[in-house]
Structures are given as C-alpha cells and as structure tokens.
C-alpha atoms as a PDB file:
ATOM      1  CA  UNK A   1      -6.481   5.288   3.864  1.00  0.00           C
ATOM      2  CA  UNK A   2      -7.341   8.496   5.678  1.00  0.00           C
ATOM      3  CA  UNK A   3      -9.962  10.725   7.200  1.00  0.00           C
ATOM      4  CA  UNK A   4      -9.710  13.973   5.211  1.00  0.00           C
ATOM      5  CA  UNK A   5     -10.328  16.002   8.345  1.00  0.00           C
ATOM      6  CA  UNK A   6      -7.910  18.921   7.881  1.00  0.00           C
ATOM      7  CA  UNK A   7      -9.263  22.303   6.890  1.00  0.00           C
ATOM      8  CA  UNK A   8      -6.601  23.004   4.282  1.00  0.00           C
ATOM      9  CA  UNK A   9      -7.269  22.610   0.579  1.00  0.00           C
ATOM     10  CA  UNK A  10      -4.136  20.479   0.395  1.00  0.00           C
ATOM     11  CA  UNK A  11      -4.127  16.967   1.890  1.00  0.00           C
ATOM     12  CA  UNK A  12      -1.695  16.313   4.713  1.00  0.00           C
ATOM     13  CA  UNK A  13       0.371  13.257   3.756  1.00  0.00           C
ATOM     14  CA  UNK A  14       2.455  11.260   6.219  1.00  0.00           C
ATOM     15  CA  UNK A  15       5.540   9.527   4.796  1.00  0.00           C
ATOM     16  CA  UNK A  16       7.228   6.741   6.715  1.00  0.00           C
ATOM     17  CA  UNK A  17      10.993   6.305   6.491  1.00  0.00           C
ATOM     18  CA  UNK A  18      10.948   2.538   6.007  1.00  0.00           C
ATOM     19  CA  UNK A  19      14.200   0.695   6.624  1.00  0.00           C
ATOM     20  CA  UNK A  20      16.866   3.409   6.664  1.00  0.00           C
ATOM     21  CA  UNK A  21      19.385   1.024   5.121  1.00  0.00           C
ATOM     22  CA  UNK A  22      17.012   0.428   2.205  1.00  0.00           C
ATOM     23  CA  UNK A  23      15.924   2.662  -0.673  1.00  0.00           C
ATOM     24  CA  UNK A  24      13.403   4.653   1.370  1.00  0.00           C
ATOM     25  CA  UNK A  25      15.596   7.638   2.303  1.00  0.00           C
ATOM     26  CA  UNK A  26      16.922   8.026  -1.261  1.00  0.00           C
ATOM     27  CA  UNK A  27      13.452   7.896  -2.830  1.00  0.00           C
ATOM     28  CA  UNK A  28      12.057  10.320  -0.251  1.00  0.00           C
ATOM     29  CA  UNK A  29      14.882  12.829  -0.737  1.00  0.00           C
ATOM     30  CA  UNK A  30      14.689  12.747  -4.542  1.00  0.00           C
ATOM     31  CA  UNK A  31      10.896  12.997  -4.537  1.00  0.00           C
ATOM     32  CA  UNK A  32      10.582  15.781  -1.989  1.00  0.00           C
ATOM     33  CA  UNK A  33      13.365  17.791  -3.640  1.00  0.00           C
ATOM     34  CA  UNK A  34      10.829  18.618  -6.356  1.00  0.00           C
ATOM     35  CA  UNK A  35       9.386  22.007  -5.450  1.00  0.00           C
ATOM     36  CA  UNK A  36       6.009  21.065  -6.925  1.00  0.00           C
ATOM     37  CA  UNK A  37       5.314  18.682  -4.036  1.00  0.00           C
ATOM     38  CA  UNK A  38       4.301  21.371  -1.541  1.00  0.00           C
ATOM     39  CA  UNK A  39       1.883  22.841  -4.090  1.00  0.00           C
ATOM     40  CA  UNK A  40      -0.265  19.725  -4.100  1.00  0.00           C
ATOM     41  CA  UNK A  41       0.076  18.478  -0.518  1.00  0.00           C
ATOM     42  CA  UNK A  42       1.631  19.083   2.897  1.00  0.00           C
ATOM     43  CA  UNK A  43       4.149  16.267   3.433  1.00  0.00           C
ATOM     44  CA  UNK A  44       5.258  15.074   6.857  1.00  0.00           C
ATOM     45  CA  UNK A  45       8.192  12.669   6.970  1.00  0.00           C
ATOM     46  CA  UNK A  46       8.395  10.416  10.023  1.00  0.00           C
ATOM     47  CA  UNK A  47      12.055   9.618  10.564  1.00  0.00           C
ATOM     48  CA  UNK A  48      15.296  11.171  11.716  1.00  0.00           C
ATOM     49  CA  UNK A  49      17.012  14.351  10.587  1.00  0.00           C
ATOM     50  CA  UNK A  50      20.359  12.704  11.376  1.00  0.00           C
ATOM     51  CA  UNK A  51      19.642   9.849   8.968  1.00  0.00           C
ATOM     52  CA  UNK A  52      18.586  12.239   6.228  1.00  0.00           C
ATOM     53  CA  UNK A  53      21.595  14.503   6.811  1.00  0.00           C
ATOM     54  CA  UNK A  54      23.885  11.570   6.093  1.00  0.00           C
ATOM     55  CA  UNK A  55      22.017  10.578   2.958  1.00  0.00           C
ATOM     56  CA  UNK A  56      21.833  14.141   1.617  1.00  0.00           C
ATOM     57  CA  UNK A  57      25.628  14.225   1.535  1.00  0.00           C
ATOM     58  CA  UNK A  58      25.790  11.355  -0.960  1.00  0.00           C
ATOM     59  CA  UNK A  59      22.585  11.774  -2.984  1.00  0.00           C
ATOM     60  CA  UNK A  60      22.530  14.213  -5.885  1.00  0.00           C
ATOM     61  CA  UNK A  61      19.299  16.122  -6.442  1.00  0.00           C
ATOM     62  CA  UNK A  62      18.302  18.942  -8.762  1.00  0.00           C
ATOM     63  CA  UNK A  63      17.202  21.089  -5.818  1.00  0.00           C
ATOM     64  CA  UNK A  64      18.392  21.366  -2.220  1.00  0.00           C
ATOM     65  CA  UNK A  65      16.040  19.767   0.284  1.00  0.00           C
ATOM     66  CA  UNK A  66      15.388  21.556   3.556  1.00  0.00           C
ATOM     67  CA  UNK A  67      13.251  20.036   6.304  1.00  0.00           C
ATOM     68  CA  UNK A  68      11.010  21.967   8.636  1.00  0.00           C
ATOM     69  CA  UNK A  69      11.495  20.070  11.895  1.00  0.00           C
ATOM     70  CA  UNK A  70       8.591  19.736  14.286  1.00  0.00           C
ATOM     71  CA  UNK A  71       7.805  17.597  17.323  1.00  0.00           C
ATOM     72  CA  UNK A  72       4.270  16.814  16.192  1.00  0.00           C
ATOM     73  CA  UNK A  73       1.646  17.701  13.608  1.00  0.00           C
ATOM     74  CA  UNK A  74       0.638  20.848  15.519  1.00  0.00           C
ATOM     75  CA  UNK A  75       3.827  22.532  14.329  1.00  0.00           C
ATOM     76  CA  UNK A  76       3.710  21.692  10.620  1.00  0.00           C
ATOM     77  CA  UNK A  77       4.239  24.327   7.958  1.00  0.00           C
ATOM     78  CA  UNK A  78       1.960  23.780   4.918  1.00  0.00           C
ATOM     79  CA  UNK A  79       4.523  25.451   2.643  1.00  0.00           C
ATOM     80  CA  UNK A  80       7.475  23.292   3.763  1.00  0.00           C
ATOM     81  CA  UNK A  81       8.673  19.690   3.797  1.00  0.00           C
ATOM     82  CA  UNK A  82       7.978  18.736   7.394  1.00  0.00           C
ATOM     83  CA  UNK A  83       9.912  16.173   9.414  1.00  0.00           C
ATOM     84  CA  UNK A  84       9.005  14.660  12.772  1.00  0.00           C
ATOM     85  CA  UNK A  85      12.012  13.201  14.580  1.00  0.00           C
ATOM     86  CA  UNK A  86      10.895   9.810  15.854  1.00  0.00           C
ATOM     87  CA  UNK A  87      14.103   8.936  17.742  1.00  0.00           C
ATOM     88  CA  UNK A  88      17.226  10.682  18.981  1.00  0.00           C
ATOM     89  CA  UNK A  89      19.789   7.876  18.540  1.00  0.00           C
ATOM     90  CA  UNK A  90      22.570   8.657  16.070  1.00  0.00           C
ATOM     91  CA  UNK A  91      22.651   5.493  13.942  1.00  0.00           C
ATOM     92  CA  UNK A  92      25.211   4.838  11.229  1.00  0.00           C
ATOM     93  CA  UNK A  93      23.841   4.015   7.800  1.00  0.00           C
ATOM     94  CA  UNK A  94      24.843   0.878   5.896  1.00  0.00           C
ATOM     95  CA  UNK A  95      22.892   0.903   2.621  1.00  0.00           C
ATOM     96  CA  UNK A  96      21.909  -2.569   1.506  1.00  0.00           C
ATOM     97  CA  UNK A  97      22.569  -4.124   4.925  1.00  0.00           C
ATOM     98  CA  UNK A  98      19.447  -4.331   7.125  1.00  0.00           C
ATOM     99  CA  UNK A  99      20.184  -4.204  10.838  1.00  0.00           C
ATOM    100  CA  UNK A 100      18.242  -4.601  14.067  1.00  0.00           C
ATOM    101  CA  UNK A 101      18.405  -0.817  14.513  1.00  0.00           C
ATOM    102  CA  UNK A 102      17.065  -0.085  11.032  1.00  0.00           C
ATOM    103  CA  UNK A 103      14.234  -2.568  11.578  1.00  0.00           C
ATOM    104  CA  UNK A 104      13.224  -1.096  14.924  1.00  0.00           C
ATOM    105  CA  UNK A 105      13.426   2.432  13.504  1.00  0.00           C
ATOM    106  CA  UNK A 106      11.179   1.421  10.613  1.00  0.00           C
ATOM    107  CA  UNK A 107       8.567   0.232  13.100  1.00  0.00           C
ATOM    108  CA  UNK A 108       8.822   3.421  15.201  1.00  0.00           C
ATOM    109  CA  UNK A 109       8.302   5.555  12.085  1.00  0.00           C
ATOM    110  CA  UNK A 110       5.324   3.462  10.986  1.00  0.00           C
ATOM    111  CA  UNK A 111       3.808   3.467  14.461  1.00  0.00           C
ATOM    112  CA  UNK A 112       4.023   7.255  14.845  1.00  0.00           C
ATOM    113  CA  UNK A 113       2.537   7.852  11.402  1.00  0.00           C
ATOM    114  CA  UNK A 114      -0.322   5.401  11.977  1.00  0.00           C
ATOM    115  CA  UNK A 115      -1.151   7.027  15.316  1.00  0.00           C
ATOM    116  CA  UNK A 116      -1.512  10.389  13.617  1.00  0.00           C
ATOM    117  CA  UNK A 117      -3.511   8.842  10.768  1.00  0.00           C
ATOM    118  CA  UNK A 118      -6.072   7.178  12.993  1.00  0.00           C
ATOM    119  CA  UNK A 119      -6.388  10.230  15.215  1.00  0.00           C
ATOM    120  CA  UNK A 120      -7.398  12.267  12.158  1.00  0.00           C
ATOM    121  CA  UNK A 121      -4.231  14.367  11.874  1.00  0.00           C
ATOM    122  CA  UNK A 122      -3.283  12.951   8.470  1.00  0.00           C
ATOM    123  CA  UNK A 123      -5.306  12.413   5.324  1.00  0.00           C
ATOM    124  CA  UNK A 124      -3.172   9.513   4.082  1.00  0.00           C
ATOM    125  CA  UNK A 125       0.084   7.663   4.681  1.00  0.00           C
ATOM    126  CA  UNK A 126       2.704   6.718   2.106  1.00  0.00           C
ATOM    127  CA  UNK A 127       4.974   3.912   3.294  1.00  0.00           C
ATOM    128  CA  UNK A 128       8.583   3.504   2.221  1.00  0.00           C
ATOM    129  CA  UNK A 129       9.764  -0.151   1.967  1.00  0.00           C
ATOM    130  CA  UNK A 130      10.487  -2.149   5.091  1.00  0.00           C
ATOM    131  CA  UNK A 131      12.535  -5.304   5.492  1.00  0.00           C
ATOM    132  CA  UNK A 132       9.859  -7.780   6.482  1.00  0.00           C
ATOM    133  CA  UNK A 133      12.281  -9.851   8.557  1.00  0.00           C
ATOM    134  CA  UNK A 134      14.206  -7.370  10.670  1.00  0.00           C
ATOM    135  CA  UNK A 135      11.099  -5.347  11.574  1.00  0.00           C
ATOM    136  CA  UNK A 136       9.557  -8.329  13.357  1.00  0.00           C
ATOM    137  CA  UNK A 137       9.209  -7.810  17.120  1.00  0.00           C
ATOM    138  CA  UNK A 138       6.734  -8.111  19.963  1.00  0.00           C
ATOM    139  CA  UNK A 139       5.043  -4.970  18.615  1.00  0.00           C
ATOM    140  CA  UNK A 140       5.085  -5.931  14.929  1.00  0.00           C
ATOM    141  CA  UNK A 141       4.082  -9.474  14.008  1.00  0.00           C
ATOM    142  CA  UNK A 142       2.712  -8.966  10.521  1.00  0.00           C
ATOM    143  CA  UNK A 143       3.791 -10.118   7.039  1.00  0.00           C
ATOM    144  CA  UNK A 144       3.711  -6.529   5.806  1.00  0.00           C
ATOM    145  CA  UNK A 145       2.115  -3.078   5.787  1.00  0.00           C
ATOM    146  CA  UNK A 146      -1.246  -4.334   4.516  1.00  0.00           C
ATOM    147  CA  UNK A 147      -1.830  -6.631   7.460  1.00  0.00           C
ATOM    148  CA  UNK A 148      -0.570  -3.994   9.905  1.00  0.00           C
ATOM    149  CA  UNK A 149      -3.061  -1.373   8.713  1.00  0.00           C
ATOM    150  CA  UNK A 150      -5.856  -3.923   8.529  1.00  0.00           C
ATOM    151  CA  UNK A 151      -5.251  -4.729  12.199  1.00  0.00           C
ATOM    152  CA  UNK A 152      -5.020  -1.055  13.145  1.00  0.00           C
ATOM    153  CA  UNK A 153      -8.250  -0.317  11.285  1.00  0.00           C
ATOM    154  CA  UNK A 154     -10.115  -2.922  13.301  1.00  0.00           C
ATOM    155  CA  UNK A 155     -11.730  -4.419  10.184  1.00  0.00           C
ATOM    156  CA  UNK A 156     -12.129  -8.072   9.260  1.00  0.00           C
ATOM    157  CA  UNK A 157     -10.717  -7.797   5.770  1.00  0.00           C
ATOM    158  CA  UNK A 158      -8.856  -5.477   3.423  1.00  0.00           C
ATOM    159  CA  UNK A 159      -7.690  -5.525  -0.178  1.00  0.00           C
ATOM    160  CA  UNK A 160      -4.392  -4.657  -1.776  1.00  0.00           C
ATOM    161  CA  UNK A 161      -4.956  -2.727  -5.014  1.00  0.00           C
ATOM    162  CA  UNK A 162      -2.738  -1.982  -7.993  1.00  0.00           C
ATOM    163  CA  UNK A 163      -4.133   1.115  -9.701  1.00  0.00           C
ATOM    164  CA  UNK A 164      -3.565   2.743 -13.099  1.00  0.00           C
ATOM    165  CA  UNK A 165      -5.554   5.266 -15.120  1.00  0.00           C
ATOM    166  CA  UNK A 166      -8.125   2.742 -16.380  1.00  0.00           C
ATOM    167  CA  UNK A 167      -7.454  -0.487 -14.498  1.00  0.00           C
ATOM    168  CA  UNK A 168      -7.644  -1.523 -10.834  1.00  0.00           C
ATOM    169  CA  UNK A 169      -6.371  -4.935  -9.820  1.00  0.00           C
ATOM    170  CA  UNK A 170      -7.169  -6.480  -6.444  1.00  0.00           C
ATOM    171  CA  UNK A 171      -5.297  -9.496  -5.104  1.00  0.00           C
ATOM    172  CA  UNK A 172      -7.091 -12.277  -3.246  1.00  0.00           C
ATOM    173  CA  UNK A 173      -3.974 -13.549  -1.480  1.00  0.00           C
ATOM    174  CA  UNK A 174      -0.885 -11.703  -0.334  1.00  0.00           C
ATOM    175  CA  UNK A 175       2.352 -12.271   1.538  1.00  0.00           C
ATOM    176  CA  UNK A 176       2.035 -16.053   1.661  1.00  0.00           C
ATOM    177  CA  UNK A 177       4.208 -18.744   0.035  1.00  0.00           C
ATOM    178  CA  UNK A 178       3.175 -19.632  -3.509  1.00  0.00           C
ATOM    179  CA  UNK A 179       2.667 -23.247  -2.415  1.00  0.00           C
ATOM    180  CA  UNK A 180      -0.130 -22.115  -0.078  1.00  0.00           C
ATOM    181  CA  UNK A 181      -2.108 -20.015  -2.565  1.00  0.00           C
ATOM    182  CA  UNK A 182      -4.381 -22.768  -3.869  1.00  0.00           C
ATOM    183  CA  UNK A 183      -5.408 -24.137  -0.492  1.00  0.00           C
ATOM    184  CA  UNK A 184      -6.076 -20.642   0.818  1.00  0.00           C
ATOM    185  CA  UNK A 185      -8.685 -19.955  -1.871  1.00  0.00           C
ATOM    186  CA  UNK A 186     -12.207 -20.481  -0.576  1.00  0.00           C
ATOM    187  CA  UNK A 187     -15.598 -19.227  -1.636  1.00  0.00           C
ATOM    188  CA  UNK A 188     -15.840 -17.166   1.560  1.00  0.00           C
ATOM    189  CA  UNK A 189     -12.474 -15.505   0.982  1.00  0.00           C
ATOM    190  CA  UNK A 190     -13.234 -14.721  -2.656  1.00  0.00           C
ATOM    191  CA  UNK A 191     -16.615 -13.247  -1.737  1.00  0.00           C
ATOM    192  CA  UNK A 192     -15.043 -11.087   0.961  1.00  0.00           C
ATOM    193  CA  UNK A 193     -12.389  -9.685  -1.379  1.00  0.00           C
ATOM    194  CA  UNK A 194     -14.869  -9.087  -4.195  1.00  0.00           C
ATOM    195  CA  UNK A 195     -17.154  -7.277  -1.759  1.00  0.00           C
ATOM    196  CA  UNK A 196     -14.333  -4.997  -0.602  1.00  0.00           C
ATOM    197  CA  UNK A 197     -13.365  -4.310  -4.233  1.00  0.00           C
ATOM    198  CA  UNK A 198     -16.967  -3.634  -5.270  1.00  0.00           C
ATOM    199  CA  UNK A 199     -17.471  -1.106  -2.477  1.00  0.00           C
ATOM    200  CA  UNK A 200     -14.120   0.564  -3.194  1.00  0.00           C
ATOM    201  CA  UNK A 201     -14.909   0.952  -6.898  1.00  0.00           C
ATOM    202  CA  UNK A 202     -18.202   2.654  -6.036  1.00  0.00           C
ATOM    203  CA  UNK A 203     -17.242   4.698  -2.981  1.00  0.00           C
ATOM    204  CA  UNK A 204     -13.573   5.530  -3.612  1.00  0.00           C
ATOM    205  CA  UNK A 205     -13.384   5.612  -7.417  1.00  0.00           C
ATOM    206  CA  UNK A 206     -16.895   6.865  -8.138  1.00  0.00           C
ATOM    207  CA  UNK A 207     -17.822   4.035 -10.532  1.00  0.00           C
ATOM    208  CA  UNK A 208     -21.604   3.654 -10.331  1.00  0.00           C
ATOM    209  CA  UNK A 209     -21.786   0.217 -11.992  1.00  0.00           C
ATOM    210  CA  UNK A 210     -18.444  -1.534 -11.512  1.00  0.00           C
ATOM    211  CA  UNK A 211     -17.475  -4.293 -13.932  1.00  0.00           C
ATOM    212  CA  UNK A 212     -15.250  -6.908 -12.320  1.00  0.00           C
ATOM    213  CA  UNK A 213     -13.207  -9.541 -14.142  1.00  0.00           C
ATOM    214  CA  UNK A 214     -12.150 -12.582 -12.129  1.00  0.00           C
ATOM    215  CA  UNK A 215      -8.856 -14.058 -13.302  1.00  0.00           C
ATOM    216  CA  UNK A 216      -8.204 -17.778 -13.250  1.00  0.00           C
ATOM    217  CA  UNK A 217      -5.761 -19.549 -10.986  1.00  0.00           C
ATOM    218  CA  UNK A 218      -4.348 -22.020 -13.506  1.00  0.00           C
ATOM    219  CA  UNK A 219      -2.595 -21.360 -16.835  1.00  0.00           C
ATOM    220  CA  UNK A 220      -5.184 -20.569 -19.543  1.00  0.00           C
ATOM    221  CA  UNK A 221      -7.827 -20.562 -16.773  1.00  0.00           C
ATOM    222  CA  UNK A 222      -7.608 -24.338 -16.584  1.00  0.00           C
ATOM    223  CA  UNK A 223      -8.542 -25.071 -20.214  1.00  0.00           C
ATOM    224  CA  UNK A 224     -11.880 -26.566 -19.141  1.00  0.00           C
ATOM    225  CA  UNK A 225     -10.236 -28.826 -16.600  1.00  0.00           C
ATOM    226  CA  UNK A 226      -7.239 -29.914 -18.657  1.00  0.00           C
ATOM    227  CA  UNK A 227      -4.813 -27.761 -16.633  1.00  0.00           C
ATOM    228  CA  UNK A 228      -6.688 -27.667 -13.336  1.00  0.00           C
ATOM    229  CA  UNK A 229     -10.267 -27.790 -12.095  1.00  0.00           C
ATOM    230  CA  UNK A 230     -10.272 -24.798  -9.751  1.00  0.00           C
ATOM    231  CA  UNK A 231     -12.040 -22.631 -12.308  1.00  0.00           C
ATOM    232  CA  UNK A 232     -14.774 -25.227 -12.898  1.00  0.00           C
ATOM    233  CA  UNK A 233     -15.292 -26.167  -9.265  1.00  0.00           C
ATOM    234  CA  UNK A 234     -14.852 -22.810  -7.514  1.00  0.00           C
ATOM    235  CA  UNK A 235     -14.598 -19.733  -9.730  1.00  0.00           C
ATOM    236  CA  UNK A 236     -17.277 -20.290 -12.375  1.00  0.00           C
ATOM    237  CA  UNK A 237     -20.051 -21.214  -9.884  1.00  0.00           C
ATOM    238  CA  UNK A 238     -19.159 -18.140  -7.807  1.00  0.00           C
ATOM    239  CA  UNK A 239     -19.341 -15.897 -10.877  1.00  0.00           C
ATOM    240  CA  UNK A 240     -22.782 -17.243 -11.791  1.00  0.00           C
ATOM    241  CA  UNK A 241     -23.983 -16.735  -8.224  1.00  0.00           C
ATOM    242  CA  UNK A 242     -22.849 -13.102  -8.189  1.00  0.00           C
ATOM    243  CA  UNK A 243     -24.331 -12.438 -11.624  1.00  0.00           C
ATOM    244  CA  UNK A 244     -27.677 -13.659 -10.356  1.00  0.00           C
ATOM    245  CA  UNK A 245     -27.417 -11.013  -7.620  1.00  0.00           C
ATOM    246  CA  UNK A 246     -26.823  -8.257 -10.166  1.00  0.00           C
ATOM    247  CA  UNK A 247     -23.049  -7.934  -9.854  1.00  0.00           C
ATOM    248  CA  UNK A 248     -21.363  -7.313 -13.227  1.00  0.00           C
ATOM    249  CA  UNK A 249     -18.648  -9.924 -12.883  1.00  0.00           C
ATOM    250  CA  UNK A 250     -17.019 -11.859 -15.724  1.00  0.00           C
ATOM    251  CA  UNK A 251     -14.523 -14.674 -16.239  1.00  0.00           C
ATOM    252  CA  UNK A 252     -12.610 -16.578 -15.205  1.00  0.00           C
ATOM    253  CA  UNK A 253     -10.069 -15.143 -17.636  1.00  0.00           C
ATOM    254  CA  UNK A 254      -6.493 -16.335 -18.251  1.00  0.00           C
ATOM    255  CA  UNK A 255      -4.343 -13.697 -16.562  1.00  0.00           C
ATOM    256  CA  UNK A 256      -1.836 -13.360 -19.400  1.00  0.00           C
ATOM    257  CA  UNK A 257      -4.498 -13.132 -22.101  1.00  0.00           C
ATOM    258  CA  UNK A 258      -6.604 -10.658 -20.151  1.00  0.00           C
ATOM    259  CA  UNK A 259      -3.871  -8.073 -19.811  1.00  0.00           C
ATOM    260  CA  UNK A 260      -2.757  -8.463 -23.447  1.00  0.00           C
ATOM    261  CA  UNK A 261      -6.213  -8.297 -24.999  1.00  0.00           C
ATOM    262  CA  UNK A 262      -7.589  -4.766 -24.999  1.00  0.00           C
ATOM    263  CA  UNK A 263     -11.001  -6.018 -26.120  1.00  0.00           C
ATOM    264  CA  UNK A 264     -11.216  -8.344 -23.156  1.00  0.00           C
ATOM    265  CA  UNK A 265     -10.229  -5.543 -20.804  1.00  0.00           C
ATOM    266  CA  UNK A 266     -13.344  -3.627 -21.805  1.00  0.00           C
ATOM    267  CA  UNK A 267     -15.627  -6.606 -21.065  1.00  0.00           C
END
C-alpha cells in the first residue's frame, strides 16, 4: 500500500515498531543490520531510540546498527537507517509480557507511519506484530492491521494476500472465530473479494489474464454434498456465473489437494 510519490530511485519504506515487548524490535534490528538494506530502499523506523538501545545491548548481530534520528520525514538520510522518535517516555522492556504501555506505543507508531503513508511521504509500510488485545483503545478498535488500513483508506473492502514467486492466495475471511466462518460466507462477500483479487492481479502484479482457483470450505470440497453442501449451493453456482462473464475462475478445489498437486496449480 503506497503512493510511490518520492523522487528517489529507491522506495521509502516505513517500518512500525509493533509491540515493543514482542519480536518486532529484534526482527527489525537483525534485518536492518544488513548493509544491503539501504541499497534497495530508504527505511524509516517509527519507534523509540531508547527502546532500541536496550534491545541492541542483548541482541547479537553481524554488523553494528546505527540509527539516523529525525523528527519527521523531511530530515531522512537515504543512505542511513532512519528512526523517528514517536514518544519520549523511557519505558522498561519485558520481552514476552505485553503491557498497556507497549500496546499504546504500538498504536502511536502505527498511527504516525500511516499518517505519513497517506500524505504521500512513504511508498509503503511494513508492520511489525502487534498484540491485538493490549492495543485496543478508543483510537484503535480493529481486529488487526488489515482492518485498520482498510478504514484509513476509506474503501469498502480489502483483501489479505499471501504471496510467493508463482502463487498468490487471498483470504475471504480474516480475524474472526472459526465458528463464524461459514455463516459469514455470502455470495456478495465472495464476489467482492474476488473482484479485489482480480484487479490486484492485473494492476499490481501485471497479469493480463488472471486465472483464479476458488478453494472449497469443507474437507475434499464437500465430496458432492457428502461432507457439506456449501460448494454445491454457493461456490459452484458463483463460479459458473463468473465464467459466463469471462473470468477465468476454477474450482471449488479441496485446499489440501490443490497445494499438493502441481498439475492442479497450473489449472
């Protein structure tokens, strides 16, 4: 998610701290200690130099990490690892033990980064993990990052994607109890998600004629109604409807068989 508005050849990437008692600081330090990072992008970490100073004392890295501190994106150095201090409080760290302070700090980091993203100062944001419970507040009432950015974007729908070299997987539901998945599936919701995926495959991944496989809900895709009728009553009619409109969509496939069978993957 970004605007690609900077004039540099390298994208400017915002990195949120996440919950500072989680794995975020460690992953950020170990990743940004690699000198190759600044050759491919200009990173800006949204967090606290005091938090990172404490973690750097206990985390071993192959190279020493030095932050270029700046108050805002106007002062970034494209050749350095930049850090914007988002708060001045000197919090203690307790790895593995989420606190009210670490939750509030996670929100502040995310909020500052999203402000810069939507004002065109960043090309993308990478989010370190949050604790979905302790971040909840009057300002943040979302199940996770996806819903937060969907709200900030002002769009009706979004899609979480898992991406590899030759496979992109979109999820219809997210961040809801497993017991609620079935009743949340509707034709309208499926159509909305497929539409978002179709546009993303064409516009973001450059695939002129996307081929989409729809996975079944039940084991073995229902076995023709033996293990559930959702495929017969909802998924198959939807697939036929989209095919009639020229969309290259196939299925419903059993999820386990689809990912094991290389022939099926090529549809």
